[in-house]
Amino acid sequence: MLADVVRYLRCPHCAAELALDGGVLRCAAGHSFDIARQGYVSLLPGRPRAGSGDSTAMVAAREAFTAAGHLDPLADALVDAAAGVEGAGCVTDLGAGSGWQLARVLDVLPGRPGIALDVSRPALQRAARAHPRIGAVGADIWGALPLRSGSAALVLNVFAPRNGEEIARVMAPGALLAVVAPTPRHLEQLTGPLGMLSVDSRKPERLERELGERLELQSSDEREWRMSLAASELEALVMMGPSGFHVDPGELRGRIAALPERVEVSASVSVSRWRAP
């Protein structure tokens, strides 16, 4: 609920504190932000870029795929990474999508509120009802985050962009950041047959550049599991991620039809934990 997280938010125009006033968030400078009837609020400083954020179809594909349990090992990795969270503060998910992974983490952190940040309206609509302690907030995580400095005890970043300076700013002293990123082996069986985007092998170096100057790396390991996927699940997997912006749905279905009835696919991710000084 937004009422549970307002104290962690700030105005995207002047960085002042926000207060809940009926169905509106307001700051002392007079900036106001209407709460959508679906329960989320947009704190974008301007209109979102055309085509930014996941579409309704992409969000629906992700919900179908996660509901089938294929990404449960990823959620388990996040729950493990959340161990050791201390002190006051919220859990913030950068690029939270439908709120599925944030909800799983909140289940093991009783009483701690969560903030789902995403630029996609369809994603925010779902995140707002994913868990009773989630407040869904529209934000561009590439830019300045609409969060007060030192407000987060735990930050989640799963397959999402990272603004190292802003992440460090919103983390409380001693707070944790859990980053999940694909390895080059992730979905490797589908890169050629389905035209999916490949993973850059230099991701670990980029991660160190983005975060290493401000945060201390606590641990890093890899999680791998196998998924046996039918045609509809393969389509959902492609359409829910960045490849969904580039693949023609008709062409995708034709490619899937040429594959066996079920396809064994490898999931492979790196999970790193970083702590604020």
C-alpha atoms as a PDB file:
ATOM      1  CA  MET A   1       0.000   0.000   0.000  1.00  0.00           C
ATOM      2  CA  LEU A   2       1.239   3.500  -0.830  1.00  0.00           C
ATOM      3  CA  ALA A   3       0.339   4.735   2.655  1.00  0.00           C
ATOM      4  CA  ASP A   4       3.014   2.419   4.070  1.00  0.00           C
ATOM      5  CA  VAL A   5       5.825   3.793   1.903  1.00  0.00           C
ATOM      6  CA  VAL A   6       5.111   7.528   1.520  1.00  0.00           C
ATOM      7  CA  ARG A   7       7.664   8.362   4.227  1.00  0.00           C
ATOM      8  CA  TYR A   8      10.414   6.929   1.991  1.00  0.00           C
ATOM      9  CA  LEU A   9       9.462   8.910  -1.126  1.00  0.00           C
ATOM     10  CA  ARG A  10      10.525  12.343  -2.313  1.00  0.00           C
ATOM     11  CA  CYS A  11       9.275  14.782  -4.912  1.00  0.00           C
ATOM     12  CA  PRO A  12      10.913  14.205  -8.308  1.00  0.00           C
ATOM     13  CA  HIS A  13      10.934  17.955  -9.000  1.00  0.00           C
ATOM     14  CA  CYS A  14      12.345  19.464  -5.803  1.00  0.00           C
ATOM     15  CA  ALA A  15      13.364  16.428  -3.675  1.00  0.00           C
ATOM     16  CA  ALA A  16      11.074  17.540  -0.827  1.00  0.00           C
ATOM     17  CA  GLU A  17       9.224  15.078   1.379  1.00  0.00           C
ATOM     18  CA  LEU A  18       5.820  13.898   0.192  1.00  0.00           C
ATOM     19  CA  ALA A  19       2.619  13.552   2.189  1.00  0.00           C
ATOM     20  CA  LEU A  20      -0.591  11.677   1.442  1.00  0.00           C
ATOM     21  CA  ASP A  21      -3.608  13.942   1.018  1.00  0.00           C
ATOM     22  CA  GLY A  22      -6.623  11.857   0.075  1.00  0.00           C
ATOM     23  CA  GLY A  23      -5.948  10.470  -3.372  1.00  0.00           C
ATOM     24  CA  VAL A  24      -2.935  12.724  -4.008  1.00  0.00           C
ATOM     25  CA  LEU A  25       0.701  12.921  -2.930  1.00  0.00           C
ATOM     26  CA  ARG A  26       1.881  16.493  -2.268  1.00  0.00           C
ATOM     27  CA  CYS A  27       5.107  18.226  -1.280  1.00  0.00           C
ATOM     28  CA  ALA A  28       5.522  21.544   0.563  1.00  0.00           C
ATOM     29  CA  ALA A  29       6.438  23.301  -2.705  1.00  0.00           C
ATOM     30  CA  GLY A  30       3.013  22.513  -4.133  1.00  0.00           C
ATOM     31  CA  HIS A  31       3.881  19.698  -6.534  1.00  0.00           C
ATOM     32  CA  SER A  32       1.147  17.055  -6.572  1.00  0.00           C
ATOM     33  CA  PHE A  33       0.793  13.545  -7.966  1.00  0.00           C
ATOM     34  CA  ASP A  34      -2.521  11.763  -8.409  1.00  0.00           C
ATOM     35  CA  ILE A  35      -2.840   8.179  -7.219  1.00  0.00           C
ATOM     36  CA  ALA A  36      -4.248   6.015 -10.007  1.00  0.00           C
ATOM     37  CA  ARG A  37      -7.427   4.079  -9.288  1.00  0.00           C
ATOM     38  CA  GLN A  38      -5.354   0.871  -9.608  1.00  0.00           C
ATOM     39  CA  GLY A  39      -3.357   1.976  -6.534  1.00  0.00           C
ATOM     40  CA  TYR A  40      -0.020   3.168  -7.958  1.00  0.00           C
ATOM     41  CA  VAL A  41       1.422   6.661  -8.327  1.00  0.00           C
ATOM     42  CA  SER A  42       3.695   8.023 -11.056  1.00  0.00           C
ATOM     43  CA  LEU A  43       6.620  10.100  -9.787  1.00  0.00           C
ATOM     44  CA  LEU A  44       8.149  10.550 -13.222  1.00  0.00           C
ATOM     45  CA  PRO A  45       9.267  14.189 -13.588  1.00  0.00           C
ATOM     46  CA  GLY A  46       7.795  14.300 -17.097  1.00  0.00           C
ATOM     47  CA  ARG A  47       6.024  12.127 -19.612  1.00  0.00           C
ATOM     48  CA  PRO A  48       7.632   8.694 -20.115  1.00  0.00           C
ATOM     49  CA  ARG A  49       9.457   8.190 -23.375  1.00  0.00           C
ATOM     50  CA  ALA A  50       7.312   6.670 -26.107  1.00  0.00           C
ATOM     51  CA  GLY A  51       7.642   2.900 -26.028  1.00  0.00           C
ATOM     52  CA  SER A  52       9.430   2.877 -22.673  1.00  0.00           C
ATOM     53  CA  GLY A  53       8.642   0.093 -20.257  1.00  0.00           C
ATOM     54  CA  ASP A  54       7.030  -3.294 -20.745  1.00  0.00           C
ATOM     55  CA  SER A  55       3.760  -3.506 -22.650  1.00  0.00           C
ATOM     56  CA  THR A  56       0.583  -5.148 -21.351  1.00  0.00           C
ATOM     57  CA  ALA A  57       1.394  -8.238 -23.417  1.00  0.00           C
ATOM     58  CA  MET A  58       4.932  -8.451 -22.014  1.00  0.00           C
ATOM     59  CA  VAL A  59       3.735  -8.154 -18.427  1.00  0.00           C
ATOM     60  CA  ALA A  60       1.062 -10.809 -19.015  1.00  0.00           C
ATOM     61  CA  ALA A  61       3.673 -13.145 -20.518  1.00  0.00           C
ATOM     62  CA  ARG A  62       5.904 -12.712 -17.467  1.00  0.00           C
ATOM     63  CA  GLU A  63       3.031 -13.385 -15.094  1.00  0.00           C
ATOM     64  CA  ALA A  64       2.139 -16.593 -16.930  1.00  0.00           C
ATOM     65  CA  PHE A  65       5.746 -17.771 -16.912  1.00  0.00           C
ATOM     66  CA  THR A  66       6.364 -17.061 -13.233  1.00  0.00           C
ATOM     67  CA  ALA A  67       3.019 -18.587 -12.237  1.00  0.00           C
ATOM     68  CA  ALA A  68       4.168 -21.868 -13.798  1.00  0.00           C
ATOM     69  CA  GLY A  69       7.090 -21.953 -11.323  1.00  0.00           C
ATOM     70  CA  HIS A  70       9.887 -21.759 -13.890  1.00  0.00           C
ATOM     71  CA  LEU A  71      11.616 -18.889 -12.079  1.00  0.00           C
ATOM     72  CA  ASP A  72      11.169 -20.137  -8.520  1.00  0.00           C
ATOM     73  CA  PRO A  73      14.928 -20.835  -8.207  1.00  0.00           C
ATOM     74  CA  LEU A  74      15.558 -17.156  -8.998  1.00  0.00           C
ATOM     75  CA  ALA A  75      13.151 -16.108  -6.241  1.00  0.00           C
ATOM     76  CA  ASP A  76      14.887 -18.532  -3.864  1.00  0.00           C
ATOM     77  CA  ALA A  77      18.218 -16.905  -4.710  1.00  0.00           C
ATOM     78  CA  LEU A  78      16.803 -13.477  -3.855  1.00  0.00           C
ATOM     79  CA  VAL A  79      15.421 -14.765  -0.564  1.00  0.00           C
ATOM     80  CA  ASP A  80      18.859 -16.147   0.288  1.00  0.00           C
ATOM     81  CA  ALA A  81      20.503 -12.868  -0.715  1.00  0.00           C
ATOM     82  CA  ALA A  82      18.124 -10.963   1.567  1.00  0.00           C
ATOM     83  CA  ALA A  83      19.406 -12.819   4.630  1.00  0.00           C
ATOM     84  CA  GLY A  84      21.183 -10.479   6.984  1.00  0.00           C
ATOM     85  CA  VAL A  85      19.130  -7.358   6.257  1.00  0.00           C
ATOM     86  CA  GLU A  86      19.334  -5.124   9.308  1.00  0.00           C
ATOM     87  CA  GLY A  87      18.166  -1.730  10.485  1.00  0.00           C
ATOM     88  CA  ALA A  88      15.219   0.395   9.522  1.00  0.00           C
ATOM     89  CA  GLY A  89      14.208   1.004   5.937  1.00  0.00           C
ATOM     90  CA  CYS A  90      12.199  -0.366   3.065  1.00  0.00           C
ATOM     91  CA  VAL A  91      12.890  -2.973   0.404  1.00  0.00           C
ATOM     92  CA  THR A  92      13.159  -1.332  -3.015  1.00  0.00           C
ATOM     93  CA  ASP A  93      12.952  -3.261  -6.279  1.00  0.00           C
ATOM     94  CA  LEU A  94      14.433  -1.417  -9.267  1.00  0.00           C
ATOM     95  CA  GLY A  95      12.555  -2.439 -12.394  1.00  0.00           C
ATOM     96  CA  ALA A  96      10.109  -4.498 -10.344  1.00  0.00           C
ATOM     97  CA  GLY A  97       7.779  -5.482 -13.166  1.00  0.00           C
ATOM     98  CA  SER A  98       4.631  -7.115 -11.809  1.00  0.00           C
ATOM     99  CA  GLY A  99       6.065  -7.205  -8.258  1.00  0.00           C
ATOM    100  CA  TRP A 100       6.379 -10.988  -8.194  1.00  0.00           C
ATOM    101  CA  GLN A 101       9.963 -11.179  -6.923  1.00  0.00           C
ATOM    102  CA  LEU A 102       9.508  -8.347  -4.426  1.00  0.00           C
ATOM    103  CA  ALA A 103       6.461 -10.102  -2.986  1.00  0.00           C
ATOM    104  CA  ARG A 104       8.489 -13.281  -2.471  1.00  0.00           C
ATOM    105  CA  VAL A 105      11.162 -11.372  -0.567  1.00  0.00           C
ATOM    106  CA  LEU A 106       8.648  -9.484   1.570  1.00  0.00           C
ATOM    107  CA  ASP A 107       7.129 -12.807   2.610  1.00  0.00           C
ATOM    108  CA  VAL A 108      10.335 -13.610   4.517  1.00  0.00           C
ATOM    109  CA  LEU A 109      10.795 -10.078   5.912  1.00  0.00           C
ATOM    110  CA  PRO A 110       7.700  -9.606   8.108  1.00  0.00           C
ATOM    111  CA  GLY A 111       6.597  -6.033   8.652  1.00  0.00           C
ATOM    112  CA  ARG A 112       9.052  -4.441   6.224  1.00  0.00           C
ATOM    113  CA  PRO A 113       7.426  -2.345   3.466  1.00  0.00           C
ATOM    114  CA  GLY A 114       8.387  -2.656  -0.184  1.00  0.00           C
ATOM    115  CA  ILE A 115       8.550  -0.172  -3.054  1.00  0.00           C
ATOM    116  CA  ALA A 116       8.173  -1.429  -6.623  1.00  0.00           C
ATOM    117  CA  LEU A 117       9.776   1.036  -9.051  1.00  0.00           C
ATOM    118  CA  ASP A 118       9.025   0.675 -12.754  1.00  0.00           C
ATOM    119  CA  VAL A 119       8.295   2.893 -15.742  1.00  0.00           C
ATOM    120  CA  SER A 120       5.628   0.567 -17.168  1.00  0.00           C
ATOM    121  CA  ARG A 121       2.026   1.367 -16.260  1.00  0.00           C
ATOM    122  CA  PRO A 122       0.789  -2.202 -16.907  1.00  0.00           C
ATOM    123  CA  ALA A 123       3.523  -3.497 -14.594  1.00  0.00           C
ATOM    124  CA  LEU A 124       2.678  -0.969 -11.874  1.00  0.00           C
ATOM    125  CA  GLN A 125      -0.998  -1.881 -12.011  1.00  0.00           C
ATOM    126  CA  ARG A 126      -0.098  -5.473 -11.175  1.00  0.00           C
ATOM    127  CA  ALA A 127       2.622  -4.637  -8.659  1.00  0.00           C
ATOM    128  CA  ALA A 128       0.172  -2.499  -6.674  1.00  0.00           C
ATOM    129  CA  ARG A 129      -1.824  -5.618  -5.818  1.00  0.00           C
ATOM    130  CA  ALA A 130       1.013  -8.177  -5.696  1.00  0.00           C
ATOM    131  CA  HIS A 131       1.449  -7.908  -1.907  1.00  0.00           C
ATOM    132  CA  PRO A 132      -0.282  -5.928   0.873  1.00  0.00           C
ATOM    133  CA  ARG A 133       3.003  -4.233   1.825  1.00  0.00           C
ATOM    134  CA  ILE A 134       4.004  -3.106  -1.702  1.00  0.00           C
ATOM    135  CA  GLY A 135       3.690   0.493  -2.821  1.00  0.00           C
ATOM    136  CA  ALA A 136       3.972   0.758  -6.628  1.00  0.00           C
ATOM    137  CA  VAL A 137       5.687   3.897  -7.939  1.00  0.00           C
ATOM    138  CA  GLY A 138       6.332   5.011 -11.504  1.00  0.00           C
ATOM    139  CA  ALA A 139       9.990   5.973 -11.975  1.00  0.00           C
ATOM    140  CA  ASP A 140      12.772   5.863 -14.544  1.00  0.00           C
ATOM    141  CA  ILE A 141      15.509   3.887 -12.800  1.00  0.00           C
ATOM    142  CA  TRP A 142      18.103   5.221 -15.237  1.00  0.00           C
ATOM    143  CA  GLY A 143      17.704   8.647 -13.638  1.00  0.00           C
ATOM    144  CA  ALA A 144      17.196  10.185 -10.203  1.00  0.00           C
ATOM    145  CA  LEU A 145      15.144   7.866  -8.006  1.00  0.00           C
ATOM    146  CA  PRO A 146      12.123   9.380  -6.193  1.00  0.00           C
ATOM    147  CA  LEU A 147      13.379   8.009  -2.870  1.00  0.00           C
ATOM    148  CA  ARG A 148      14.773   9.819   0.133  1.00  0.00           C
ATOM    149  CA  SER A 149      18.487   9.365   0.793  1.00  0.00           C
ATOM    150  CA  GLY A 150      19.247   6.426   3.090  1.00  0.00           C
ATOM    151  CA  SER A 151      15.693   5.081   2.872  1.00  0.00           C
ATOM    152  CA  ALA A 152      16.361   1.483   1.742  1.00  0.00           C
ATOM    153  CA  ALA A 153      17.585  -1.384   3.908  1.00  0.00           C
ATOM    154  CA  LEU A 154      17.575  -3.705   0.900  1.00  0.00           C
ATOM    155  CA  VAL A 155      17.641  -2.955  -2.840  1.00  0.00           C
ATOM    156  CA  LEU A 156      16.804  -5.592  -5.459  1.00  0.00           C
ATOM    157  CA  ASN A 157      18.004  -5.367  -9.048  1.00  0.00           C
ATOM    158  CA  VAL A 158      16.971  -8.269 -11.277  1.00  0.00           C
ATOM    159  CA  PHE A 159      17.827  -8.118 -14.990  1.00  0.00           C
ATOM    160  CA  ALA A 160      17.431  -4.326 -14.755  1.00  0.00           C
ATOM    161  CA  PRO A 161      19.528  -1.208 -15.421  1.00  0.00           C
ATOM    162  CA  ARG A 162      21.722   0.111 -12.617  1.00  0.00           C
ATOM    163  CA  ASN A 163      22.481   3.713 -11.730  1.00  0.00           C
ATOM    164  CA  GLY A 164      25.260   3.151  -9.221  1.00  0.00           C
ATOM    165  CA  GLU A 165      25.307   6.688  -7.861  1.00  0.00           C
ATOM    166  CA  GLU A 166      21.571   6.732  -7.156  1.00  0.00           C
ATOM    167  CA  ILE A 167      21.534   3.212  -5.744  1.00  0.00           C
ATOM    168  CA  ALA A 168      24.248   4.141  -3.247  1.00  0.00           C
ATOM    169  CA  ARG A 169      22.422   7.347  -2.326  1.00  0.00           C
ATOM    170  CA  VAL A 170      19.150   5.646  -1.371  1.00  0.00           C
ATOM    171  CA  MET A 171      20.819   2.846   0.615  1.00  0.00           C
ATOM    172  CA  ALA A 172      20.986   3.255   4.382  1.00  0.00           C
ATOM    173  CA  PRO A 173      24.363   2.688   6.067  1.00  0.00           C
ATOM    174  CA  GLY A 174      24.973  -1.071   6.115  1.00  0.00           C
ATOM    175  CA  ALA A 175      22.141  -1.744   3.663  1.00  0.00           C
ATOM    176  CA  LEU A 176      22.314  -4.584   1.136  1.00  0.00           C
ATOM    177  CA  LEU A 177      21.976  -4.606  -2.654  1.00  0.00           C
ATOM    178  CA  ALA A 178      21.148  -7.907  -4.362  1.00  0.00           C
ATOM    179  CA  VAL A 179      21.892  -7.994  -8.102  1.00  0.00           C
ATOM    180  CA  VAL A 180      20.748 -10.811 -10.384  1.00  0.00           C
ATOM    181  CA  ALA A 181      22.176 -10.805 -13.910  1.00  0.00           C
ATOM    182  CA  PRO A 182      22.182 -13.424 -16.686  1.00  0.00           C
ATOM    183  CA  THR A 183      25.397 -15.268 -17.505  1.00  0.00           C
ATOM    184  CA  PRO A 184      26.379 -16.056 -21.130  1.00  0.00           C
ATOM    185  CA  ARG A 185      24.886 -19.535 -20.616  1.00  0.00           C
ATOM    186  CA  HIS A 186      21.431 -18.170 -19.834  1.00  0.00           C
ATOM    187  CA  LEU A 187      18.882 -19.524 -22.355  1.00  0.00           C
ATOM    188  CA  GLU A 188      21.737 -20.424 -24.700  1.00  0.00           C
ATOM    189  CA  GLN A 189      19.644 -23.123 -26.414  1.00  0.00           C
ATOM    190  CA  LEU A 190      17.250 -20.448 -27.686  1.00  0.00           C
ATOM    191  CA  THR A 191      19.574 -17.697 -28.856  1.00  0.00           C
ATOM    192  CA  GLY A 192      19.887 -19.025 -32.407  1.00  0.00           C
ATOM    193  CA  PRO A 193      16.599 -20.893 -32.971  1.00  0.00           C
ATOM    194  CA  LEU A 194      14.356 -18.122 -31.611  1.00  0.00           C
ATOM    195  CA  GLY A 195      16.459 -15.052 -32.343  1.00  0.00           C
ATOM    196  CA  MET A 196      16.854 -14.057 -28.713  1.00  0.00           C
ATOM    197  CA  LEU A 197      19.421 -11.476 -27.681  1.00  0.00           C
ATOM    198  CA  SER A 198      22.696 -12.939 -26.425  1.00  0.00           C
ATOM    199  CA  VAL A 199      24.301 -11.976 -23.120  1.00  0.00           C
ATOM    200  CA  ASP A 200      27.410  -9.798 -23.168  1.00  0.00           C
ATOM    201  CA  SER A 201      30.320 -11.695 -21.589  1.00  0.00           C
ATOM    202  CA  ARG A 202      31.630  -8.390 -20.168  1.00  0.00           C
ATOM    203  CA  LYS A 203      28.685  -7.925 -17.799  1.00  0.00           C
ATOM    204  CA  PRO A 204      30.750  -8.692 -14.638  1.00  0.00           C
ATOM    205  CA  GLU A 205      33.262  -5.978 -15.544  1.00  0.00           C
ATOM    206  CA  ARG A 206      30.470  -3.472 -16.131  1.00  0.00           C
ATOM    207  CA  LEU A 207      28.884  -4.378 -12.809  1.00  0.00           C
ATOM    208  CA  GLU A 208      32.143  -3.740 -10.980  1.00  0.00           C
ATOM    209  CA  ARG A 209      32.514  -0.353 -12.691  1.00  0.00           C
ATOM    210  CA  GLU A 210      28.952   0.646 -11.858  1.00  0.00           C
ATOM    211  CA  LEU A 211      29.007  -0.339  -8.192  1.00  0.00           C
ATOM    212  CA  GLY A 212      32.553  -1.034  -7.008  1.00  0.00           C
ATOM    213  CA  GLU A 213      33.526   2.550  -6.185  1.00  0.00           C
ATOM    214  CA  ARG A 214      30.575   3.083  -3.856  1.00  0.00           C
ATOM    215  CA  LEU A 215      29.664  -0.333  -2.433  1.00  0.00           C
ATOM    216  CA  GLU A 216      31.555  -3.338  -1.052  1.00  0.00           C
ATOM    217  CA  LEU A 217      31.078  -6.702  -2.740  1.00  0.00           C
ATOM    218  CA  GLN A 218      30.074  -9.250  -0.087  1.00  0.00           C
ATOM    219  CA  SER A 219      29.570 -12.367  -2.188  1.00  0.00           C
ATOM    220  CA  SER A 220      28.960 -13.547  -5.739  1.00  0.00           C
ATOM    221  CA  ASP A 221      27.859 -16.933  -6.989  1.00  0.00           C
ATOM    222  CA  GLU A 222      25.944 -18.529  -9.832  1.00  0.00           C
ATOM    223  CA  ARG A 223      22.634 -20.353  -9.866  1.00  0.00           C
ATOM    224  CA  GLU A 224      21.686 -22.706 -12.690  1.00  0.00           C
ATOM    225  CA  TRP A 225      18.618 -24.839 -13.309  1.00  0.00           C
ATOM    226  CA  ARG A 226      16.839 -26.545 -16.187  1.00  0.00           C
ATOM    227  CA  MET A 227      13.408 -25.756 -17.561  1.00  0.00           C
ATOM    228  CA  SER A 228      11.329 -28.087 -19.739  1.00  0.00           C
ATOM    229  CA  LEU A 229       9.188 -25.763 -21.844  1.00  0.00           C
ATOM    230  CA  ALA A 230       6.227 -26.316 -24.147  1.00  0.00           C
ATOM    231  CA  ALA A 231       5.458 -24.039 -27.113  1.00  0.00           C
ATOM    232  CA  SER A 232       3.280 -21.581 -25.175  1.00  0.00           C
ATOM    233  CA  GLU A 233       5.909 -21.304 -22.456  1.00  0.00           C
ATOM    234  CA  LEU A 234       8.667 -20.659 -24.995  1.00  0.00           C
ATOM    235  CA  GLU A 235       6.598 -17.856 -26.495  1.00  0.00           C
ATOM    236  CA  ALA A 236       5.973 -16.322 -23.065  1.00  0.00           C
ATOM    237  CA  LEU A 237       9.683 -16.561 -22.192  1.00  0.00           C
ATOM    238  CA  VAL A 238      10.743 -14.672 -25.317  1.00  0.00           C
ATOM    239  CA  MET A 239       7.978 -12.071 -25.187  1.00  0.00           C
ATOM    240  CA  MET A 240       8.418 -11.189 -21.496  1.00  0.00           C
ATOM    241  CA  GLY A 241      12.027  -9.979 -21.819  1.00  0.00           C
ATOM    242  CA  PRO A 242      14.035  -7.520 -23.931  1.00  0.00           C
ATOM    243  CA  SER A 243      13.796  -9.821 -26.936  1.00  0.00           C
ATOM    244  CA  GLY A 244      10.062  -9.092 -26.892  1.00  0.00           C
ATOM    245  CA  PHE A 245      10.813  -5.621 -28.277  1.00  0.00           C
ATOM    246  CA  HIS A 246      12.644  -7.065 -31.281  1.00  0.00           C
ATOM    247  CA  VAL A 247      10.913 -10.312 -32.298  1.00  0.00           C
ATOM    248  CA  ASP A 248       7.882 -10.418 -34.579  1.00  0.00           C
ATOM    249  CA  PRO A 249       5.218 -12.591 -32.848  1.00  0.00           C
ATOM    250  CA  GLY A 250       4.214 -14.353 -36.072  1.00  0.00           C
ATOM    251  CA  GLU A 251       7.794 -15.160 -36.954  1.00  0.00           C
ATOM    252  CA  LEU A 252       8.407 -16.328 -33.384  1.00  0.00           C
ATOM    253  CA  ARG A 253       5.511 -18.790 -33.505  1.00  0.00           C
ATOM    254  CA  GLY A 254       6.831 -20.167 -36.774  1.00  0.00           C
ATOM    255  CA  ARG A 255      10.255 -20.740 -35.257  1.00  0.00           C
ATOM    256  CA  ILE A 256       8.770 -22.398 -32.182  1.00  0.00           C
ATOM    257  CA  ALA A 257       6.700 -24.730 -34.380  1.00  0.00           C
ATOM    258  CA  ALA A 258       9.941 -26.070 -35.882  1.00  0.00           C
ATOM    259  CA  LEU A 259      11.231 -27.127 -32.448  1.00  0.00           C
ATOM    260  CA  PRO A 260      10.422 -30.347 -30.536  1.00  0.00           C
ATOM    261  CA  GLU A 261       7.195 -30.498 -28.513  1.00  0.00           C
ATOM    262  CA  ARG A 262       9.171 -29.715 -25.362  1.00  0.00           C
ATOM    263  CA  VAL A 263      12.564 -28.020 -25.189  1.00  0.00           C
ATOM    264  CA  GLU A 264      15.103 -28.311 -22.371  1.00  0.00           C
ATOM    265  CA  VAL A 265      16.446 -24.853 -21.602  1.00  0.00           C
ATOM    266  CA  SER A 266      19.221 -23.787 -19.230  1.00  0.00           C
ATOM    267  CA  ALA A 267      18.716 -20.866 -16.866  1.00  0.00           C
ATOM    268  CA  SER A 268      21.953 -19.393 -15.556  1.00  0.00           C
ATOM    269  CA  VAL A 269      22.321 -16.262 -13.438  1.00  0.00           C
ATOM    270  CA  SER A 270      24.898 -14.584 -11.246  1.00  0.00           C
ATOM    271  CA  VAL A 271      23.762 -13.366  -7.829  1.00  0.00           C
ATOM    272  CA  SER A 272      25.915 -10.764  -6.104  1.00  0.00           C
ATOM    273  CA  ARG A 273      25.455  -9.039  -2.751  1.00  0.00           C
ATOM    274  CA  TRP A 274      26.814  -5.555  -2.107  1.00  0.00           C
ATOM    275  CA  ARG A 275      26.842  -3.628   1.171  1.00  0.00           C
ATOM    276  CA  ALA A 276      26.775   0.105   1.723  1.00  0.00           C
ATOM    277  CA  PRO A 277      29.481   1.543   3.987  1.00  0.00           C
END
